[in-house]
Amino acid sequence: MGYVRWFIVLAFWGGLAALMHYTLPQYDVVRIVNTYEERIELTDWTRAFWTRPDAQSTNLQNRDVQFIQAVRPNGDAIVYRNEDTGWSWPPYFKFDTANLYTEANDAISTKDAPEWVAVRHYGWRSQLLSIFPNAVSLSPVETVEAKPNNWFNIVFLAVFGLIAWAIYVRWRRFRIRRVEPILEKAEDDLWAVGDAISDRKDRLRKWLKR
């Protein structure tokens, strides 16, 4: 029973951590090399990793998606999708896909004359599943070390930790005051029933031996 309990606890916190890692904003300092548009098929379970900014998108089997190709300072390639989130999840309220596409085109640079930008995004990049992080905004930076401080994540995680700790403390107090006495009484009652049954069995054996 203990293994099942720990499995449920680890699955819950692991799933919550994965959700936060996917949803919370991150920053990459990159050099933009190209932008393009591609028609994407939305027919399998990976549809969950593409935004649904309007009601019609739930019925669409494919749609055109804008992409931003970039290169990290170490030379690794990274590709971002450029989709509006609208009023859906996650709540970035992004409505400026066209503007961001224009800014990305304007920031294209070469290896000989690089222009570095900080791309604010959420999501994961998986070549196996063909999923891409969604670029939310970009801003020019002077050097590759000038990555913006992610104060939102720091404040959010601090507040979340405080709320989680407060809930845990209150639950522990409630368990000690309310739940554990009930469990202890139930255990005592079970032991009492067991003793009564054992006593009756002993009496029955003595009666049969007469």
N, C-alpha and C. Protein backbone atom coordinates (compact mmCIF):
# COMPACT_ATOMS: atom_id res chain seq x y z
N MET A 1 0.83 -1.20 0.00
CA MET A 1 0.00 0.00 0.00
C MET A 1 0.87 1.26 0.00
N GLY A 2 2.01 1.18 0.73
CA GLY A 2 2.89 2.32 0.78
C GLY A 2 3.48 2.67 -0.57
N TYR A 3 3.81 1.63 -1.38
CA TYR A 3 4.37 1.88 -2.71
C TYR A 3 3.35 2.58 -3.61
N VAL A 4 2.09 2.18 -3.50
CA VAL A 4 1.04 2.81 -4.31
C VAL A 4 0.89 4.27 -3.92
N ARG A 5 0.94 4.54 -2.64
CA ARG A 5 0.81 5.92 -2.17
C ARG A 5 1.94 6.79 -2.71
N TRP A 6 3.19 6.28 -2.61
CA TRP A 6 4.33 7.06 -3.10
C TRP A 6 4.28 7.22 -4.61
N PHE A 7 3.79 6.20 -5.31
CA PHE A 7 3.67 6.31 -6.77
C PHE A 7 2.69 7.41 -7.14
N ILE A 8 1.56 7.48 -6.44
CA ILE A 8 0.56 8.52 -6.71
C ILE A 8 1.13 9.90 -6.41
N VAL A 9 1.84 10.02 -5.28
CA VAL A 9 2.43 11.32 -4.90
C VAL A 9 3.46 11.76 -5.93
N LEU A 10 4.37 10.85 -6.31
CA LEU A 10 5.40 11.20 -7.29
C LEU A 10 4.80 11.51 -8.65
N ALA A 11 3.75 10.76 -9.05
CA ALA A 11 3.10 11.03 -10.34
C ALA A 11 2.44 12.40 -10.33
N PHE A 12 1.82 12.76 -9.22
CA PHE A 12 1.15 14.07 -9.12
C PHE A 12 2.16 15.20 -9.22
N TRP A 13 3.21 15.15 -8.40
CA TRP A 13 4.19 16.24 -8.39
C TRP A 13 5.02 16.25 -9.68
N GLY A 14 5.29 15.06 -10.23
CA GLY A 14 6.01 15.02 -11.50
C GLY A 14 5.20 15.62 -12.63
N GLY A 15 3.89 15.31 -12.67
CA GLY A 15 3.02 15.90 -13.68
C GLY A 15 2.89 17.40 -13.52
N LEU A 16 2.80 17.86 -12.27
CA LEU A 16 2.69 19.30 -12.01
C LEU A 16 3.97 20.02 -12.42
N ALA A 17 5.13 19.41 -12.13
CA ALA A 17 6.41 20.01 -12.52
C ALA A 17 6.54 20.08 -14.03
N ALA A 18 6.10 19.02 -14.74
CA ALA A 18 6.16 19.03 -16.20
C ALA A 18 5.24 20.11 -16.77
N LEU A 19 4.05 20.26 -16.19
CA LEU A 19 3.11 21.29 -16.65
C LEU A 19 3.70 22.68 -16.47
N MET A 20 4.33 22.92 -15.32
CA MET A 20 4.95 24.23 -15.07
C MET A 20 6.10 24.47 -16.03
N HIS A 21 6.93 23.45 -16.24
CA HIS A 21 8.08 23.62 -17.13
C HIS A 21 7.62 23.93 -18.55
N TYR A 22 6.52 23.34 -18.96
CA TYR A 22 6.00 23.60 -20.31
C TYR A 22 5.37 24.98 -20.41
N THR A 23 4.68 25.41 -19.36
CA THR A 23 3.85 26.61 -19.41
C THR A 23 4.59 27.89 -19.06
N LEU A 24 5.49 27.84 -18.08
CA LEU A 24 6.15 29.05 -17.62
C LEU A 24 7.10 29.59 -18.69
N PRO A 25 7.26 30.92 -18.75
CA PRO A 25 8.10 31.53 -19.79
C PRO A 25 9.58 31.23 -19.58
N GLN A 26 10.30 31.12 -20.69
CA GLN A 26 11.74 30.94 -20.69
C GLN A 26 12.35 31.90 -21.70
N TYR A 27 13.66 32.16 -21.56
CA TYR A 27 14.36 33.07 -22.45
C TYR A 27 15.52 32.35 -23.13
N ASP A 28 15.66 32.56 -24.43
CA ASP A 28 16.81 32.08 -25.18
C ASP A 28 17.45 33.27 -25.89
N VAL A 29 18.77 33.35 -25.84
CA VAL A 29 19.49 34.34 -26.64
C VAL A 29 19.95 33.64 -27.91
N VAL A 30 19.45 34.10 -29.05
CA VAL A 30 19.70 33.42 -30.33
C VAL A 30 19.94 34.46 -31.43
N ARG A 31 20.39 33.93 -32.56
CA ARG A 31 20.50 34.72 -33.79
C ARG A 31 19.49 34.19 -34.79
N ILE A 32 18.57 35.02 -35.24
CA ILE A 32 17.53 34.60 -36.17
C ILE A 32 18.11 34.51 -37.58
N VAL A 33 17.86 33.39 -38.24
CA VAL A 33 18.42 33.17 -39.58
C VAL A 33 17.35 33.09 -40.66
N ASN A 34 16.09 32.81 -40.27
CA ASN A 34 15.06 32.69 -41.30
C ASN A 34 13.68 32.60 -40.65
N THR A 35 12.66 32.92 -41.43
CA THR A 35 11.27 32.69 -41.03
C THR A 35 10.55 32.06 -42.21
N TYR A 36 9.57 31.23 -41.91
CA TYR A 36 8.81 30.60 -42.98
C TYR A 36 7.44 30.20 -42.47
N GLU A 37 6.58 29.78 -43.37
CA GLU A 37 5.22 29.35 -43.04
C GLU A 37 5.00 27.96 -43.60
N GLU A 38 4.38 27.10 -42.83
CA GLU A 38 4.18 25.70 -43.24
C GLU A 38 2.81 25.22 -42.81
N ARG A 39 2.19 24.39 -43.64
CA ARG A 39 0.90 23.81 -43.28
C ARG A 39 1.13 22.58 -42.40
N ILE A 40 0.49 22.59 -41.25
CA ILE A 40 0.67 21.55 -40.25
C ILE A 40 -0.58 20.70 -40.14
N GLU A 41 -0.41 19.38 -40.16
CA GLU A 41 -1.52 18.45 -39.97
C GLU A 41 -1.80 18.29 -38.48
N LEU A 42 -3.07 18.38 -38.10
CA LEU A 42 -3.48 18.28 -36.70
C LEU A 42 -4.39 17.08 -36.53
N THR A 43 -3.85 15.91 -36.78
CA THR A 43 -4.68 14.71 -36.81
C THR A 43 -4.33 13.68 -35.74
N ASP A 44 -3.27 13.90 -34.96
CA ASP A 44 -2.91 12.92 -33.94
C ASP A 44 -2.88 13.58 -32.56
N TRP A 45 -2.39 12.83 -31.56
CA TRP A 45 -2.44 13.32 -30.18
C TRP A 45 -1.52 14.50 -29.93
N THR A 46 -0.53 14.73 -30.81
CA THR A 46 0.35 15.88 -30.64
C THR A 46 -0.37 17.21 -30.90
N ARG A 47 -1.62 17.14 -31.32
CA ARG A 47 -2.43 18.35 -31.49
C ARG A 47 -2.49 19.15 -30.19
N ALA A 48 -2.32 18.47 -29.05
CA ALA A 48 -2.38 19.14 -27.76
C ALA A 48 -1.26 20.16 -27.59
N PHE A 49 -0.17 20.02 -28.36
CA PHE A 49 0.97 20.93 -28.24
C PHE A 49 0.87 22.12 -29.19
N TRP A 50 -0.27 22.26 -29.88
CA TRP A 50 -0.49 23.40 -30.77
C TRP A 50 -1.63 24.22 -30.19
N THR A 51 -1.51 25.53 -30.27
CA THR A 51 -2.51 26.38 -29.65
C THR A 51 -3.82 26.33 -30.41
N ARG A 52 -4.90 26.69 -29.71
CA ARG A 52 -6.24 26.73 -30.31
C ARG A 52 -6.83 28.12 -30.06
N PRO A 53 -6.41 29.10 -30.82
CA PRO A 53 -6.82 30.47 -30.54
C PRO A 53 -8.26 30.79 -30.86
N ASP A 54 -8.97 29.95 -31.61
CA ASP A 54 -10.36 30.24 -31.95
C ASP A 54 -11.17 28.96 -31.90
N ALA A 55 -12.48 29.10 -31.88
CA ALA A 55 -13.37 27.95 -31.76
C ALA A 55 -13.30 27.05 -32.98
N GLN A 56 -13.01 27.62 -34.14
CA GLN A 56 -12.99 26.82 -35.36
C GLN A 56 -11.82 25.85 -35.39
N SER A 57 -10.73 26.18 -34.69
CA SER A 57 -9.53 25.36 -34.77
C SER A 57 -9.75 23.96 -34.22
N THR A 58 -10.78 23.76 -33.39
CA THR A 58 -11.05 22.43 -32.88
C THR A 58 -11.57 21.51 -33.97
N ASN A 59 -12.08 22.07 -35.07
CA ASN A 59 -12.61 21.26 -36.16
C ASN A 59 -11.65 21.18 -37.34
N LEU A 60 -10.57 21.97 -37.33
CA LEU A 60 -9.63 21.98 -38.44
C LEU A 60 -8.70 20.77 -38.36
N GLN A 61 -8.41 20.16 -39.51
CA GLN A 61 -7.47 19.06 -39.59
C GLN A 61 -6.05 19.55 -39.89
N ASN A 62 -5.92 20.76 -40.44
CA ASN A 62 -4.61 21.35 -40.70
C ASN A 62 -4.75 22.86 -40.77
N ARG A 63 -3.63 23.54 -40.64
CA ARG A 63 -3.62 25.01 -40.75
C ARG A 63 -2.19 25.48 -40.99
N ASP A 64 -2.06 26.70 -41.48
CA ASP A 64 -0.75 27.29 -41.73
C ASP A 64 -0.20 27.86 -40.43
N VAL A 65 1.06 27.53 -40.16
CA VAL A 65 1.73 27.99 -38.95
C VAL A 65 3.03 28.68 -39.33
N GLN A 66 3.31 29.80 -38.71
CA GLN A 66 4.56 30.53 -38.94
C GLN A 66 5.65 29.98 -38.02
N PHE A 67 6.87 29.95 -38.55
CA PHE A 67 8.01 29.44 -37.79
C PHE A 67 9.16 30.45 -37.86
N ILE A 68 9.97 30.42 -36.81
CA ILE A 68 11.16 31.27 -36.72
C ILE A 68 12.36 30.36 -36.51
N GLN A 69 13.30 30.38 -37.45
CA GLN A 69 14.51 29.58 -37.33
C GLN A 69 15.61 30.42 -36.73
N ALA A 70 16.34 29.84 -35.77
CA ALA A 70 17.39 30.59 -35.09
C ALA A 70 18.56 29.67 -34.75
N VAL A 71 19.65 30.28 -34.34
CA VAL A 71 20.86 29.55 -33.96
C VAL A 71 21.31 30.07 -32.60
N ARG A 72 21.63 29.14 -31.70
CA ARG A 72 22.12 29.52 -30.38
C ARG A 72 23.59 29.96 -30.48
N PRO A 73 24.11 30.61 -29.43
CA PRO A 73 25.51 31.04 -29.46
C PRO A 73 26.50 29.88 -29.64
N ASN A 74 26.13 28.66 -29.21
CA ASN A 74 27.03 27.52 -29.37
C ASN A 74 26.89 26.85 -30.74
N GLY A 75 26.02 27.39 -31.60
CA GLY A 75 25.87 26.85 -32.94
C GLY A 75 24.70 25.89 -33.11
N ASP A 76 24.02 25.51 -32.03
CA ASP A 76 22.88 24.60 -32.13
C ASP A 76 21.67 25.32 -32.72
N ALA A 77 20.94 24.60 -33.57
CA ALA A 77 19.75 25.18 -34.20
C ALA A 77 18.54 25.04 -33.29
N ILE A 78 17.65 26.00 -33.35
CA ILE A 78 16.40 25.97 -32.61
C ILE A 78 15.32 26.59 -33.49
N VAL A 79 14.15 25.98 -33.49
CA VAL A 79 13.03 26.47 -34.30
C VAL A 79 11.85 26.75 -33.36
N TYR A 80 11.25 27.92 -33.52
CA TYR A 80 10.09 28.32 -32.73
C TYR A 80 8.88 28.41 -33.65
N ARG A 81 7.71 28.07 -33.12
CA ARG A 81 6.49 28.37 -33.84
C ARG A 81 6.00 29.74 -33.40
N ASN A 82 5.20 30.37 -34.22
CA ASN A 82 4.70 31.71 -33.93
C ASN A 82 3.18 31.69 -34.07
N GLU A 83 2.51 31.37 -32.94
CA GLU A 83 1.05 31.25 -32.94
C GLU A 83 0.44 32.14 -31.86
N ASP A 84 -0.71 32.71 -32.16
CA ASP A 84 -1.48 33.43 -31.15
C ASP A 84 -2.02 32.44 -30.12
N THR A 85 -1.99 32.84 -28.87
CA THR A 85 -2.64 32.02 -27.83
C THR A 85 -4.06 32.49 -27.57
N GLY A 86 -4.35 33.76 -27.93
CA GLY A 86 -5.70 34.28 -27.69
C GLY A 86 -6.04 34.23 -26.22
N TRP A 87 -7.27 33.78 -25.95
CA TRP A 87 -7.75 33.67 -24.57
C TRP A 87 -7.63 32.26 -24.02
N SER A 88 -6.97 31.37 -24.79
CA SER A 88 -6.87 29.97 -24.36
C SER A 88 -5.64 29.77 -23.49
N TRP A 89 -5.42 28.51 -23.11
CA TRP A 89 -4.27 28.16 -22.27
C TRP A 89 -3.06 27.90 -23.13
N PRO A 90 -1.86 28.29 -22.69
CA PRO A 90 -1.57 29.04 -21.47
C PRO A 90 -1.91 30.52 -21.61
N PRO A 91 -2.16 31.21 -20.51
CA PRO A 91 -2.72 32.57 -20.57
C PRO A 91 -1.68 33.65 -20.87
N TYR A 92 -1.12 33.61 -22.07
CA TYR A 92 -0.18 34.66 -22.48
C TYR A 92 -0.90 35.80 -23.22
N PHE A 93 -2.14 35.55 -23.62
CA PHE A 93 -2.95 36.57 -24.31
C PHE A 93 -2.18 37.19 -25.48
N LYS A 94 -1.61 36.31 -26.29
CA LYS A 94 -0.82 36.76 -27.44
C LYS A 94 -1.73 36.92 -28.65
N PHE A 95 -1.78 38.13 -29.20
CA PHE A 95 -2.60 38.42 -30.37
C PHE A 95 -1.78 39.05 -31.51
N ASP A 96 -0.46 39.14 -31.32
CA ASP A 96 0.37 39.91 -32.27
C ASP A 96 1.29 39.03 -33.10
N THR A 97 0.78 37.89 -33.56
CA THR A 97 1.61 36.99 -34.37
C THR A 97 2.20 37.70 -35.59
N ALA A 98 1.40 38.48 -36.28
CA ALA A 98 1.88 39.17 -37.49
C ALA A 98 2.99 40.15 -37.14
N ASN A 99 2.84 40.90 -36.05
CA ASN A 99 3.88 41.84 -35.65
C ASN A 99 5.17 41.12 -35.28
N LEU A 100 5.05 40.02 -34.54
CA LEU A 100 6.24 39.27 -34.15
C LEU A 100 6.94 38.68 -35.37
N TYR A 101 6.15 38.24 -36.35
CA TYR A 101 6.73 37.71 -37.58
C TYR A 101 7.53 38.79 -38.30
N THR A 102 7.02 40.01 -38.30
CA THR A 102 7.72 41.14 -38.92
C THR A 102 9.00 41.46 -38.15
N GLU A 103 8.91 41.48 -36.82
CA GLU A 103 10.10 41.76 -36.00
C GLU A 103 11.17 40.70 -36.21
N ALA A 104 10.75 39.44 -36.33
CA ALA A 104 11.71 38.36 -36.56
C ALA A 104 12.40 38.52 -37.90
N ASN A 105 11.65 38.86 -38.93
CA ASN A 105 12.25 39.09 -40.24
C ASN A 105 13.23 40.25 -40.21
N ASP A 106 12.89 41.28 -39.46
CA ASP A 106 13.75 42.45 -39.37
C ASP A 106 15.03 42.15 -38.60
N ALA A 107 15.00 41.12 -37.73
CA ALA A 107 16.16 40.79 -36.89
C ALA A 107 17.06 39.73 -37.52
N ILE A 108 16.77 39.27 -38.75
CA ILE A 108 17.60 38.25 -39.40
C ILE A 108 19.00 38.79 -39.61
N SER A 109 19.99 37.98 -39.25
CA SER A 109 21.38 38.40 -39.41
C SER A 109 22.23 37.22 -39.85
N THR A 110 23.45 37.48 -40.20
CA THR A 110 24.37 36.46 -40.69
C THR A 110 25.38 36.10 -39.61
N LYS A 111 26.13 35.03 -39.87
CA LYS A 111 27.16 34.60 -38.92
C LYS A 111 28.29 35.61 -38.83
N ASP A 112 28.57 36.29 -39.94
CA ASP A 112 29.66 37.27 -39.95
C ASP A 112 29.27 38.56 -39.23
N ALA A 113 28.00 38.90 -39.27
CA ALA A 113 27.53 40.12 -38.58
C ALA A 113 26.30 39.77 -37.74
N PRO A 114 26.49 39.05 -36.65
CA PRO A 114 25.35 38.56 -35.87
C PRO A 114 24.64 39.66 -35.09
N GLU A 115 23.32 39.54 -35.03
CA GLU A 115 22.50 40.39 -34.17
C GLU A 115 21.75 39.46 -33.22
N TRP A 116 22.03 39.56 -31.94
CA TRP A 116 21.46 38.65 -30.96
C TRP A 116 20.17 39.21 -30.40
N VAL A 117 19.20 38.32 -30.22
CA VAL A 117 17.91 38.69 -29.65
C VAL A 117 17.54 37.71 -28.55
N ALA A 118 16.80 38.18 -27.57
CA ALA A 118 16.27 37.32 -26.51
C ALA A 118 14.84 36.96 -26.86
N VAL A 119 14.60 35.68 -27.05
CA VAL A 119 13.28 35.19 -27.41
C VAL A 119 12.58 34.66 -26.16
N ARG A 120 11.47 35.27 -25.83
CA ARG A 120 10.65 34.79 -24.71
C ARG A 120 9.66 33.78 -25.27
N HIS A 121 9.62 32.59 -24.67
CA HIS A 121 8.81 31.52 -25.24
C HIS A 121 8.34 30.57 -24.14
N TYR A 122 7.46 29.67 -24.51
CA TYR A 122 7.05 28.58 -23.63
C TYR A 122 6.95 27.32 -24.47
N GLY A 123 6.93 26.17 -23.81
CA GLY A 123 6.79 24.91 -24.54
C GLY A 123 8.11 24.18 -24.70
N TRP A 124 8.05 23.04 -25.40
CA TRP A 124 9.20 22.18 -25.59
C TRP A 124 9.52 22.01 -27.06
N ARG A 125 10.76 21.66 -27.34
CA ARG A 125 11.19 21.31 -28.69
C ARG A 125 11.52 19.82 -28.72
N SER A 126 10.83 19.08 -29.57
CA SER A 126 11.08 17.65 -29.73
C SER A 126 11.10 17.32 -31.21
N GLN A 127 12.26 16.89 -31.71
CA GLN A 127 12.35 16.50 -33.10
C GLN A 127 11.56 15.21 -33.36
N LEU A 128 11.52 14.32 -32.36
CA LEU A 128 10.81 13.06 -32.52
C LEU A 128 9.32 13.28 -32.69
N LEU A 129 8.74 14.17 -31.87
CA LEU A 129 7.31 14.42 -31.90
C LEU A 129 6.93 15.59 -32.80
N SER A 130 7.95 16.28 -33.34
CA SER A 130 7.71 17.45 -34.19
C SER A 130 6.87 18.51 -33.47
N ILE A 131 7.30 18.85 -32.27
CA ILE A 131 6.65 19.92 -31.52
C ILE A 131 7.68 21.03 -31.29
N PHE A 132 7.19 22.26 -31.19
CA PHE A 132 8.06 23.42 -31.13
C PHE A 132 7.61 24.36 -30.02
N PRO A 133 8.57 25.04 -29.37
CA PRO A 133 8.17 26.08 -28.41
C PRO A 133 7.53 27.25 -29.14
N ASN A 134 6.61 27.92 -28.48
CA ASN A 134 5.90 29.05 -29.09
C ASN A 134 6.56 30.35 -28.65
N ALA A 135 7.07 31.12 -29.63
CA ALA A 135 7.70 32.41 -29.32
C ALA A 135 6.63 33.41 -28.95
N VAL A 136 6.82 34.11 -27.84
CA VAL A 136 5.85 35.10 -27.36
C VAL A 136 6.30 36.51 -27.69
N SER A 137 7.58 36.77 -27.53
CA SER A 137 8.12 38.09 -27.83
C SER A 137 9.61 37.97 -28.06
N LEU A 138 10.20 39.00 -28.63
CA LEU A 138 11.65 39.05 -28.79
C LEU A 138 12.14 40.47 -28.61
N SER A 139 13.36 40.58 -28.11
CA SER A 139 13.95 41.89 -27.88
C SER A 139 15.44 41.80 -28.14
N PRO A 140 16.03 42.83 -28.75
CA PRO A 140 17.47 42.79 -29.05
C PRO A 140 18.31 42.88 -27.78
N VAL A 141 19.45 42.19 -27.79
CA VAL A 141 20.42 42.25 -26.69
C VAL A 141 21.79 42.54 -27.28
N GLU A 142 22.65 43.14 -26.48
CA GLU A 142 23.96 43.54 -26.98
C GLU A 142 24.94 42.37 -27.05
N THR A 143 24.86 41.45 -26.06
CA THR A 143 25.78 40.32 -26.02
C THR A 143 25.00 39.04 -25.74
N VAL A 144 25.66 37.90 -25.98
CA VAL A 144 25.00 36.62 -25.76
C VAL A 144 24.80 36.34 -24.27
N GLU A 145 25.56 37.04 -23.41
CA GLU A 145 25.40 36.84 -21.96
C GLU A 145 24.29 37.70 -21.38
N ALA A 146 23.71 38.56 -22.19
CA ALA A 146 22.71 39.51 -21.68
C ALA A 146 21.31 38.92 -21.69
N LYS A 147 21.16 37.73 -21.14
CA LYS A 147 19.83 37.12 -21.06
C LYS A 147 19.01 37.81 -19.98
N PRO A 148 17.76 38.19 -20.26
CA PRO A 148 16.93 38.87 -19.24
C PRO A 148 16.69 37.99 -18.02
N ASN A 149 16.61 38.62 -16.87
CA ASN A 149 16.28 37.89 -15.65
C ASN A 149 14.82 37.46 -15.69
N ASN A 150 14.58 36.20 -15.36
CA ASN A 150 13.22 35.67 -15.42
C ASN A 150 12.53 35.88 -14.07
N TRP A 151 12.21 37.16 -13.78
CA TRP A 151 11.63 37.49 -12.49
C TRP A 151 10.24 36.90 -12.31
N PHE A 152 9.51 36.75 -13.40
CA PHE A 152 8.16 36.20 -13.27
C PHE A 152 8.21 34.79 -12.69
N ASN A 153 9.11 33.95 -13.23
CA ASN A 153 9.22 32.58 -12.73
C ASN A 153 9.65 32.55 -11.27
N ILE A 154 10.59 33.44 -10.91
CA ILE A 154 11.07 33.48 -9.54
C ILE A 154 9.92 33.83 -8.58
N VAL A 155 9.17 34.88 -8.92
CA VAL A 155 8.06 35.29 -8.05
C VAL A 155 6.96 34.23 -8.03
N PHE A 156 6.63 33.69 -9.21
CA PHE A 156 5.57 32.69 -9.29
C PHE A 156 5.91 31.45 -8.46
N LEU A 157 7.13 30.93 -8.62
CA LEU A 157 7.52 29.72 -7.88
C LEU A 157 7.60 29.99 -6.39
N ALA A 158 8.03 31.20 -6.01
CA ALA A 158 8.08 31.53 -4.59
C ALA A 158 6.67 31.57 -3.99
N VAL A 159 5.74 32.23 -4.70
CA VAL A 159 4.36 32.30 -4.23
C VAL A 159 3.73 30.91 -4.21
N PHE A 160 3.98 30.13 -5.25
CA PHE A 160 3.44 28.76 -5.29
C PHE A 160 3.97 27.93 -4.13
N GLY A 161 5.29 28.05 -3.85
CA GLY A 161 5.86 27.31 -2.73
C GLY A 161 5.23 27.70 -1.40
N LEU A 162 4.99 29.00 -1.21
CA LEU A 162 4.37 29.46 0.04
C LEU A 162 2.95 28.93 0.17
N ILE A 163 2.20 28.97 -0.94
CA ILE A 163 0.82 28.46 -0.91
C ILE A 163 0.81 26.96 -0.63
N ALA A 164 1.70 26.22 -1.31
CA ALA A 164 1.77 24.77 -1.10
C ALA A 164 2.14 24.45 0.35
N TRP A 165 3.09 25.19 0.91
CA TRP A 165 3.50 24.96 2.30
C TRP A 165 2.35 25.28 3.26
N ALA A 166 1.63 26.38 2.99
CA ALA A 166 0.51 26.74 3.86
C ALA A 166 -0.58 25.67 3.82
N ILE A 167 -0.87 25.15 2.62
CA ILE A 167 -1.87 24.09 2.50
C ILE A 167 -1.41 22.85 3.24
N TYR A 168 -0.11 22.49 3.11
CA TYR A 168 0.43 21.31 3.78
C TYR A 168 0.33 21.44 5.29
N VAL A 169 0.70 22.62 5.83
CA VAL A 169 0.66 22.83 7.28
C VAL A 169 -0.78 22.72 7.79
N ARG A 170 -1.73 23.33 7.06
CA ARG A 170 -3.12 23.27 7.50
C ARG A 170 -3.68 21.86 7.40
N TRP A 171 -3.31 21.13 6.35
CA TRP A 171 -3.75 19.75 6.22
C TRP A 171 -3.17 18.88 7.33
N ARG A 172 -1.90 19.10 7.66
CA ARG A 172 -1.27 18.33 8.73
C ARG A 172 -1.95 18.59 10.07
N ARG A 173 -2.27 19.86 10.34
CA ARG A 173 -2.97 20.18 11.58
C ARG A 173 -4.35 19.55 11.59
N PHE A 174 -5.08 19.62 10.46
CA PHE A 174 -6.40 19.03 10.38
C PHE A 174 -6.32 17.52 10.57
N ARG A 175 -5.27 16.90 10.00
CA ARG A 175 -5.13 15.45 10.13
C ARG A 175 -4.86 15.06 11.58
N ILE A 176 -4.00 15.83 12.25
CA ILE A 176 -3.68 15.51 13.63
C ILE A 176 -4.90 15.68 14.54
N ARG A 177 -5.67 16.75 14.30
CA ARG A 177 -6.80 17.06 15.18
C ARG A 177 -8.05 16.26 14.86
N ARG A 178 -8.28 15.98 13.58
CA ARG A 178 -9.55 15.39 13.16
C ARG A 178 -9.42 13.96 12.65
N VAL A 179 -8.48 13.76 11.73
CA VAL A 179 -8.43 12.46 11.04
C VAL A 179 -7.80 11.38 11.91
N GLU A 180 -6.64 11.68 12.51
CA GLU A 180 -5.94 10.65 13.28
C GLU A 180 -6.75 10.13 14.47
N PRO A 181 -7.46 11.00 15.23
CA PRO A 181 -8.30 10.44 16.30
C PRO A 181 -9.37 9.48 15.79
N ILE A 182 -9.96 9.78 14.64
CA ILE A 182 -10.97 8.88 14.07
C ILE A 182 -10.33 7.56 13.67
N LEU A 183 -9.13 7.62 13.04
CA LEU A 183 -8.45 6.39 12.64
C LEU A 183 -8.05 5.56 13.85
N GLU A 184 -7.56 6.26 14.90
CA GLU A 184 -7.18 5.54 16.11
C GLU A 184 -8.39 4.88 16.76
N LYS A 185 -9.52 5.59 16.79
CA LYS A 185 -10.74 5.00 17.37
C LYS A 185 -11.20 3.80 16.54
N ALA A 186 -11.12 3.95 15.20
CA ALA A 186 -11.52 2.83 14.34
C ALA A 186 -10.61 1.63 14.56
N GLU A 187 -9.30 1.89 14.73
CA GLU A 187 -8.36 0.79 14.99
C GLU A 187 -8.65 0.12 16.33
N ASP A 188 -8.92 0.93 17.35
CA ASP A 188 -9.25 0.37 18.67
C ASP A 188 -10.53 -0.46 18.60
N ASP A 189 -11.52 0.03 17.83
CA ASP A 189 -12.77 -0.72 17.69
C ASP A 189 -12.52 -2.06 17.00
N LEU A 190 -11.65 -2.04 15.98
CA LEU A 190 -11.35 -3.30 15.28
C LEU A 190 -10.65 -4.28 16.22
N TRP A 191 -9.71 -3.77 17.00
CA TRP A 191 -9.04 -4.65 17.96
C TRP A 191 -10.04 -5.19 18.98
N ALA A 192 -10.97 -4.34 19.42
CA ALA A 192 -11.97 -4.79 20.39
C ALA A 192 -12.86 -5.87 19.78
N VAL A 193 -13.26 -5.67 18.53
CA VAL A 193 -14.07 -6.69 17.85
C VAL A 193 -13.29 -7.99 17.72
N GLY A 194 -11.99 -7.85 17.35
CA GLY A 194 -11.16 -9.05 17.23
C GLY A 194 -11.02 -9.79 18.55
N ASP A 195 -10.82 -9.04 19.63
CA ASP A 195 -10.72 -9.67 20.96
C ASP A 195 -12.03 -10.35 21.33
N ALA A 196 -13.15 -9.71 21.03
CA ALA A 196 -14.45 -10.30 21.37
C ALA A 196 -14.67 -11.60 20.59
N ILE A 197 -14.32 -11.59 19.30
CA ILE A 197 -14.47 -12.80 18.49
C ILE A 197 -13.57 -13.91 19.02
N SER A 198 -12.31 -13.55 19.38
CA SER A 198 -11.38 -14.55 19.91
C SER A 198 -11.90 -15.13 21.23
N ASP A 199 -12.47 -14.27 22.07
CA ASP A 199 -13.00 -14.74 23.36
C ASP A 199 -14.17 -15.69 23.15
N ARG A 200 -15.05 -15.38 22.19
CA ARG A 200 -16.19 -16.25 21.91
C ARG A 200 -15.73 -17.60 21.35
N LYS A 201 -14.69 -17.58 20.51
CA LYS A 201 -14.16 -18.84 19.98
C LYS A 201 -13.62 -19.71 21.10
N ASP A 202 -12.92 -19.09 22.05
CA ASP A 202 -12.38 -19.86 23.18
C ASP A 202 -13.51 -20.47 24.00
N ARG A 203 -14.56 -19.70 24.23
CA ARG A 203 -15.69 -20.23 24.98
C ARG A 203 -16.36 -21.38 24.25
N LEU A 204 -16.46 -21.23 22.90
CA LEU A 204 -17.10 -22.29 22.11
C LEU A 204 -16.27 -23.57 22.16
N ARG A 205 -14.94 -23.46 22.08
CA ARG A 205 -14.08 -24.65 22.17
C ARG A 205 -14.22 -25.34 23.53
N LYS A 206 -14.25 -24.54 24.61
CA LYS A 206 -14.42 -25.13 25.94
C LYS A 206 -15.76 -25.83 26.06
N TRP A 207 -16.80 -25.25 25.47
CA TRP A 207 -18.13 -25.86 25.57
C TRP A 207 -18.18 -27.18 24.80
N LEU A 208 -17.50 -27.22 23.63
CA LEU A 208 -17.50 -28.44 22.81
C LEU A 208 -16.70 -29.56 23.44
N LYS A 209 -15.70 -29.22 24.25
CA LYS A 209 -14.88 -30.24 24.89
C LYS A 209 -15.57 -30.90 26.07
N ARG A 210 -16.67 -30.36 26.52
CA ARG A 210 -17.37 -30.97 27.67
C ARG A 210 -18.01 -32.28 27.28
